[in-house]
Protein backbone atom coordinates (compact mmCIF):
# COMPACT_ATOMS: atom_id res chain seq x y z
CA SER A 1 -25.33 43.58 -74.67
CA SER A 2 -23.06 42.97 -71.72
CA VAL A 3 -19.53 41.71 -72.12
CA ASP A 4 -20.54 38.45 -70.45
CA GLN A 5 -23.20 37.85 -73.11
CA LEU A 6 -20.81 38.33 -76.02
CA SER A 7 -20.10 35.05 -77.78
CA PRO A 8 -17.26 34.79 -80.33
CA CYS A 9 -18.72 33.90 -83.71
CA ALA A 10 -15.43 32.82 -85.32
CA PRO A 11 -16.12 29.06 -85.50
CA ALA A 12 -19.62 29.48 -87.01
CA ALA A 13 -18.53 32.20 -89.44
CA LEU A 14 -15.57 30.25 -90.72
CA LEU A 15 -17.57 27.04 -90.98
CA VAL A 16 -19.94 28.76 -93.40
CA VAL A 17 -17.04 30.09 -95.46
CA ASN A 18 -15.23 26.77 -95.55
CA VAL A 19 -18.19 24.97 -97.14
CA MET A 20 -18.31 27.52 -99.96
CA PRO A 21 -15.34 26.68 -102.19
CA PHE A 22 -15.77 29.77 -104.32
CA VAL A 23 -14.83 31.97 -101.34
CA ASP A 24 -11.04 32.05 -101.26
CA PHE A 25 -9.48 33.77 -98.26
CA SER A 26 -6.24 33.99 -96.36
CA HIS A 27 -7.13 36.69 -93.81
CA ILE A 28 -9.66 36.90 -90.99
CA ALA A 29 -10.82 39.99 -89.11
CA ARG A 30 -12.18 40.45 -85.61
CA GLU A 31 -14.52 43.39 -85.13
CA TRP A 32 -15.39 45.11 -81.86
CA ARG A 33 -18.27 47.55 -82.12
CA CYS A 34 -20.62 49.64 -80.06
CA LYS A 35 -23.02 52.57 -80.25
CA PHE A 36 -22.06 55.92 -78.75
CA SER A 37 -24.19 58.86 -77.68
CA ALA A 38 -23.97 62.31 -79.23
CA ASP A 39 -24.75 63.91 -75.85
CA SER A 40 -22.24 66.27 -74.26
CA ASP A 41 -20.41 66.88 -77.53
CA ASN A 42 -19.86 63.15 -78.18
CA ALA A 43 -18.20 62.62 -74.80
CA SER A 44 -18.75 58.85 -74.95
CA LEU A 45 -17.06 58.67 -78.37
CA MET A 46 -14.05 60.57 -77.05
CA ALA A 47 -13.86 58.21 -74.08
CA ALA A 48 -14.04 55.16 -76.36
CA GLN A 49 -11.24 56.58 -78.51
CA ALA A 50 -9.12 57.08 -75.38
CA LYS A 51 -9.64 53.44 -74.36
CA LEU A 52 -8.64 52.33 -77.86
CA GLU A 53 -5.40 54.33 -77.65
CA GLU A 54 -4.58 52.56 -74.36
CA ILE A 55 -4.63 49.10 -75.99
CA LEU A 56 -3.59 50.03 -79.54
CA ALA A 57 0.06 49.15 -79.04
CA ASP A 58 -0.86 45.72 -77.63
CA VAL A 59 -3.20 44.97 -80.56
CA SER A 60 -0.74 46.22 -83.16
CA SER A 61 2.04 44.00 -81.78
CA ILE A 62 0.03 40.75 -82.01
CA GLU A 63 1.89 38.31 -84.26
CA GLY A 64 0.39 38.26 -87.75
CA VAL A 65 -1.63 41.49 -87.53
CA VAL A 66 -1.99 43.03 -90.99
CA SER A 67 -4.01 46.11 -90.06
CA VAL A 68 -6.02 47.74 -87.28
CA GLN A 69 -8.78 50.02 -88.51
CA ARG A 70 -11.16 52.32 -86.70
CA VAL A 71 -14.60 53.09 -88.15
CA VAL A 72 -16.77 55.94 -86.88
CA CYS A 73 -20.20 56.79 -88.31
CA GLY A 74 -21.71 60.06 -87.14
CA GLY A 75 -25.06 59.20 -88.71
CA CYS A 76 -25.75 55.86 -87.02
CA LEU A 77 -23.41 56.56 -84.07
CA ASP A 78 -21.21 53.51 -84.65
CA PHE A 79 -17.73 53.05 -83.20
CA LYS A 80 -15.85 50.02 -84.54
CA VAL A 81 -12.36 48.57 -84.34
CA VAL A 82 -11.41 45.98 -86.97
CA THR A 83 -8.25 43.91 -86.55
CA LYS A 84 -7.16 41.90 -89.59
CA LEU A 85 -4.75 38.97 -89.31
CA THR A 86 -3.46 36.12 -91.41
CA LYS A 87 -5.57 32.97 -91.02
CA LYS A 88 -2.92 31.10 -88.99
CA ALA A 89 -2.28 34.11 -86.73
CA PHE A 90 -6.01 34.53 -86.14
CA GLU A 91 -6.32 30.91 -84.98
CA ASP A 92 -3.52 31.49 -82.45
CA TRP A 93 -5.15 34.75 -81.28
CA GLU A 94 -8.48 32.99 -80.85
CA LYS A 95 -6.81 30.45 -78.52
CA ALA A 96 -5.67 33.44 -76.43
CA SER A 97 -9.30 34.67 -76.17
CA PHE A 98 -8.50 37.58 -78.48
CA ALA A 99 -6.63 39.44 -75.72
CA PRO A 100 -6.89 42.33 -74.93
CA GLU A 101 -10.52 42.06 -76.13
CA GLY A 102 -12.02 41.29 -72.72
CA ASP A 103 -10.38 44.29 -71.02
CA PHE A 104 -11.27 46.63 -73.86
CA LEU A 105 -14.93 45.63 -73.98
CA SER A 106 -15.20 45.88 -70.19
CA ALA A 107 -13.77 49.40 -70.41
CA LEU A 108 -16.32 50.33 -73.10
CA LYS A 109 -19.15 48.96 -70.96
CA ALA A 110 -18.16 51.28 -68.13
CA ILE A 111 -18.43 54.43 -70.29
CA PRO A 112 -21.76 56.33 -69.87
CA GLY A 113 -23.49 56.62 -73.26
CA ILE A 114 -21.91 53.49 -74.76
CA SER A 115 -24.36 50.69 -75.69
CA ASN A 116 -24.87 47.68 -77.97
CA ILE A 117 -21.38 46.26 -77.47
CA GLU A 118 -20.84 43.38 -79.90
CA THR A 119 -18.16 41.35 -81.64
CA GLN A 120 -18.04 39.73 -85.06
CA THR A 121 -15.63 37.58 -87.05
CA TYR A 122 -15.42 37.50 -90.84
CA THR A 123 -13.01 37.04 -93.71
CA LEU A 124 -11.52 40.26 -95.02
CA GLU A 125 -9.63 40.38 -98.31
CA ASP A 126 -8.29 43.20 -100.46
CA VAL A 127 -9.83 42.50 -103.87
CA LYS A 128 -8.54 45.57 -105.71
CA LEU A 129 -7.03 44.58 -109.05
CA ASN A 130 -3.54 45.57 -110.06
CA LYS A 131 -2.92 47.24 -113.43
CA LYS A 132 -2.17 43.92 -115.16
CA ASP A 133 -5.38 42.27 -113.92
CA ILE A 134 -7.42 45.37 -114.75
CA LYS A 135 -6.20 45.12 -118.34
CA LYS A 136 -7.09 41.41 -118.51
CA ALA A 137 -10.58 42.06 -117.11
CA GLN A 138 -11.20 44.85 -119.61
CA GLU A 139 -10.01 42.69 -122.52
CA LYS A 140 -12.38 39.90 -121.45
CA LYS A 141 -15.26 42.37 -121.14
CA ASP A 142 -14.54 43.73 -124.63
CA LYS A 143 -14.34 40.20 -126.03
CA ASP A 144 -17.64 39.16 -124.44
CA GLN A 145 -19.29 42.32 -125.76
CA ALA A 146 -18.00 41.66 -129.27
CA GLU A 147 -19.34 38.10 -129.21
CA LYS A 148 -22.85 39.20 -128.25
CA PRO A 149 -25.43 38.95 -131.04
CA GLN A 150 -25.52 42.32 -132.79
CA ASP A 151 -29.31 42.32 -132.91
CA GLU A 152 -29.64 41.90 -129.15
CA LYS A 153 -31.38 44.99 -127.81
CA PRO A 154 -30.30 46.48 -124.49
CA ALA A 155 -33.00 46.30 -121.83
CA GLU A 156 -35.26 49.34 -121.99
CA ASP A 157 -36.04 51.35 -118.88
CA PRO A 158 -39.40 49.98 -117.57
CA ALA A 159 -40.79 53.43 -116.81
CA LYS A 160 -39.98 54.72 -120.30
CA LYS A 161 -41.41 51.58 -121.87
CA LEU A 162 -44.67 51.93 -119.93
CA LYS A 163 -44.92 55.56 -121.00
CA LYS A 164 -44.65 54.51 -124.66
CA VAL A 165 -47.26 51.79 -124.17
CA ILE A 166 -49.74 54.19 -122.58
CA LYS A 167 -49.14 56.83 -125.24
CA GLU A 168 -49.78 54.35 -128.05
CA GLY A 169 -52.86 53.00 -126.25
CA GLY A 170 -54.28 56.47 -125.68
CA LYS A 171 -53.93 57.37 -129.36
CA ARG A 172 -55.41 54.05 -130.45
CA GLY A 173 -58.40 54.64 -128.17
CA VAL A 174 -59.26 57.86 -130.00
CA GLU A 175 -58.92 56.11 -133.37
CA ILE A 176 -61.06 53.18 -132.25
CA GLU A 177 -63.77 55.53 -131.01
CA GLY A 178 -63.86 57.33 -134.35
CA ALA A 179 -63.75 54.19 -136.50
CA ALA A 180 -66.35 52.36 -134.40
CA ASP A 181 -68.74 55.29 -134.31
CA MET A 182 -68.40 55.77 -138.05
CA GLY A 183 -69.15 52.10 -138.69
CA GLY A 184 -71.76 51.76 -135.96
CA LEU A 185 -69.67 49.12 -134.16
CA GLN A 186 -70.14 47.97 -130.56
CA PHE A 187 -66.99 45.84 -130.64
CA PHE A 188 -63.60 46.29 -132.24
CA CYS A 189 -60.49 44.13 -132.84
CA THR A 190 -57.03 45.55 -133.44
CA SER A 191 -53.32 45.18 -132.63
CA VAL A 192 -50.60 47.36 -131.09
CA ASP A 193 -46.80 47.29 -131.25
CA GLU A 194 -45.32 48.72 -128.06
CA PRO A 195 -46.19 45.93 -125.57
CA GLU A 196 -44.17 43.52 -127.74
CA GLY A 197 -46.07 40.45 -126.57
CA ASP A 198 -46.00 41.38 -122.87
CA VAL A 199 -49.44 40.65 -121.41
CA ALA A 200 -49.13 43.06 -118.46
CA LEU A 201 -48.10 45.92 -120.74
CA LEU A 202 -50.92 45.08 -123.16
CA VAL A 203 -53.41 45.40 -120.30
CA GLU A 204 -52.02 48.89 -119.60
CA SER A 205 -52.39 49.72 -123.30
CA VAL A 206 -56.05 48.66 -123.32
CA LYS A 207 -56.71 50.62 -120.12
CA ALA A 208 -55.24 53.68 -121.83
CA MET A 209 -57.62 53.10 -124.76
CA ASN A 210 -60.55 52.96 -122.33
CA ALA A 211 -59.57 55.98 -120.23
CA LYS A 212 -62.03 58.86 -120.28
CA SER A 213 -60.94 61.71 -122.53
CA ASP A 214 -60.21 64.97 -120.79
CA PRO A 215 -61.51 67.93 -122.85
CA ALA A 216 -58.79 70.07 -121.26
CA ASP A 217 -56.00 67.94 -122.74
CA GLU A 218 -54.14 69.45 -125.69
CA GLU A 219 -54.19 66.06 -127.39
CA ARG A 220 -57.16 63.72 -126.95
CA LYS A 221 -56.43 60.28 -125.53
CA GLY A 222 -58.55 57.22 -124.85
CA GLY A 223 -62.30 57.63 -125.04
CA SER A 224 -63.22 54.12 -126.21
CA GLY A 225 -64.22 52.60 -122.88
CA HIS A 226 -67.80 52.10 -124.13
CA ILE A 227 -66.59 49.87 -126.98
CA GLY A 228 -65.79 46.21 -126.40
CA LYS A 229 -62.47 45.17 -127.87
CA MET A 230 -59.92 42.45 -128.37
CA VAL A 231 -56.36 43.69 -128.74
CA PHE A 232 -53.34 41.69 -129.90
CA SER A 233 -49.60 42.33 -129.45
CA ALA A 234 -46.91 40.21 -131.10
CA GLY A 235 -43.58 39.47 -129.42
CA THR A 236 -40.85 37.02 -130.25
CA SER A 237 -41.96 34.40 -127.74
CA GLN A 238 -45.73 34.82 -127.81
CA LEU A 239 -48.81 36.63 -129.03
CA ALA A 240 -50.44 38.47 -126.12
CA ILE A 241 -54.21 39.00 -126.22
CA VAL A 242 -56.51 41.11 -124.05
CA ALA A 243 -60.30 40.99 -124.35
CA TYR A 244 -62.42 43.77 -122.86
CA VAL A 245 -66.20 43.92 -122.48
CA PRO A 246 -67.74 47.04 -120.91
CA GLU A 247 -70.24 46.50 -118.10
CA GLU A 248 -73.27 47.52 -120.17
CA LYS A 249 -72.48 44.82 -122.78
CA GLN A 250 -71.64 41.94 -120.43
CA GLY A 251 -75.20 40.60 -120.75
CA GLU A 252 -74.60 40.09 -124.47
CA LEU A 253 -71.05 38.75 -124.43
CA VAL A 254 -69.00 36.76 -121.91
CA CYS A 255 -65.46 38.14 -122.00
CA GLU A 256 -63.71 34.88 -121.05
CA GLU A 257 -65.75 32.86 -123.59
CA TRP A 258 -64.77 35.24 -126.40
CA LEU A 259 -61.08 35.03 -125.52
CA ALA A 260 -61.15 31.26 -125.01
CA LYS A 261 -62.54 30.81 -128.52
CA VAL A 262 -59.64 32.78 -130.00
CA VAL A 263 -56.72 31.33 -127.99
CA GLY A 264 -58.11 27.83 -128.60
CA VAL A 265 -57.42 28.11 -132.33
CA HIS A 266 -53.77 27.13 -131.79
CA ALA A 267 -52.33 24.43 -129.54
CA GLY A 268 -50.71 25.93 -126.46
CA GLY A 269 -53.00 28.96 -126.44
CA LYS A 270 -54.45 29.65 -123.00
CA VAL A 271 -56.51 32.05 -120.95
CA LEU A 272 -54.26 33.51 -118.27
CA LYS A 273 -56.82 35.52 -116.32
CA ALA A 274 -60.61 35.50 -116.68
CA GLY A 275 -62.74 38.49 -115.77
CA LYS A 276 -66.11 39.97 -116.63
CA ASP A 277 -64.47 43.11 -118.00
CA TYR A 278 -60.84 42.20 -118.73
CA SER A 279 -59.56 38.74 -119.68
CA THR A 280 -55.99 38.00 -120.76
CA GLY A 281 -54.40 35.19 -122.71
CA CYS A 282 -51.50 34.25 -124.93
CA ILE A 283 -50.42 31.88 -127.67
CA PRO A 284 -46.75 30.84 -127.47
CA THR A 285 -44.47 30.69 -130.49
CA ASP A 286 -44.07 27.16 -131.82
CA ALA A 287 -41.65 27.03 -134.75
CA ASP A 288 -42.17 23.29 -135.24
CA LYS A 289 -45.87 23.86 -135.91
CA GLY A 290 -45.42 27.11 -137.83
CA VAL A 291 -47.00 29.20 -135.08
CA PHE A 292 -45.44 32.68 -135.16
CA PRO A 293 -47.12 35.68 -133.48
CA LEU A 294 -47.04 38.00 -136.51
CA LYS A 295 -48.11 35.23 -138.86
CA ILE A 296 -51.21 34.17 -136.90
CA ARG A 297 -52.32 37.60 -135.66
CA GLU A 298 -54.54 38.73 -138.55
CA GLY A 299 -56.26 35.35 -138.80
CA LEU A 300 -57.12 35.51 -135.11
CA ILE A 301 -58.60 38.99 -135.52
CA LEU A 302 -60.91 37.50 -138.14
CA GLU A 303 -61.71 34.65 -135.75
CA ALA A 304 -62.62 37.13 -133.01
CA ASN A 305 -64.88 39.05 -135.43
CA ASN A 306 -66.57 35.85 -136.61
CA PHE A 307 -67.37 34.88 -133.02
CA LEU A 308 -69.06 38.26 -132.60
CA ARG A 309 -70.98 37.78 -135.83
CA GLY A 310 -72.33 34.50 -134.53
CA LYS A 311 -73.87 36.42 -131.65
CA GLY A 312 -75.15 39.25 -133.82
CA LEU A 313 -72.69 41.71 -132.32
CA PHE A 314 -70.70 42.48 -135.47
CA PRO A 315 -71.78 43.47 -139.01
CA GLU A 316 -72.15 40.60 -141.46
CA ASP A 317 -69.41 40.24 -144.09
CA ASN A 318 -70.72 41.69 -147.37
CA GLY A 319 -68.46 39.37 -149.37
CA ASP A 320 -66.30 42.12 -150.89
CA SER A 321 -63.23 41.45 -148.78
CA ASP A 322 -62.33 39.48 -145.70
CA ASP A 323 -59.97 42.28 -144.69
CA ASP A 324 -62.56 45.05 -144.53
CA MET A 325 -63.09 44.67 -140.79
CA VAL A 326 -59.54 43.73 -139.77
CA PHE A 327 -57.81 46.68 -138.17
CA GLY A 328 -54.07 46.38 -137.56
CA ASP A 329 -51.22 48.84 -137.20
CA ASP A 330 -51.26 49.78 -140.89
CA ASP A 331 -54.81 51.09 -140.56
CA PHE A 332 -53.70 53.71 -138.02
CA PRO A 333 -50.80 55.64 -139.53
CA SER A 334 -50.60 58.05 -136.61
CA ALA A 335 -50.00 55.28 -134.07
């Protein structure tokens, strides 16, 4: 940018600040900046510093100047001069065209290796707290912390949470494969804990169940991708549900239809995403209607099994117990 193209941004900058009442300020700064070249042992930087020294006394003696700071960045090759004044003094300096700004910027323009000459205006306040205010802030923080509900859990690291979800899903996949093969089942319904009602995490859990087992692994994981399944996860705000139908069984069962039947049992239940292989849904908590994720979960597993029975895809109930084919967390002690 040439000096002639530089346009003071003070009016626009201060207009923005003045319409934001939460920004309290009493000082304004004017910044002059440029890029220097590292060629010839930073010769352009040394020349810019020399020009600054020539006008430093003039700048420092401007009425109302609080500080004059120089900023140099060797990484991005920035050279900056920031002059901070009281608000009233800045307004007077602006009327004087920020002298000696024009001469200084013209001098910078003439230095070989100097480029991107710009100016900027902004508020600049020292917001460091004194010892008394630090104590007040700490007391307020301690008070707010003490008033927080004791059962409120701190947010868990997403990466660690996902790792737990996948680990639980991988183990459950092995258990499903064994239980289904032993009972001659093509489809299986169960629940998991770690997703805590989060649909996206429940999808990752089911994918971990379906992952191919690697014989080289010290501990087997997954291996139930050939078995259709509906998996439930209870959270405080909702019951998350994922239905999965492997490709070879999609001619016998429509994944979305299966899920829609289950989520439709309770008002507010809905299919979130329909797919031939994976479909997701949820049923929100409704205290007024007695709909709580943990309370309704086992009944919905039975509902899912009954839908399969109607299509001849699940063994008929022998009448001994309705719970024989309901598999929840208690049925997998290693999970």
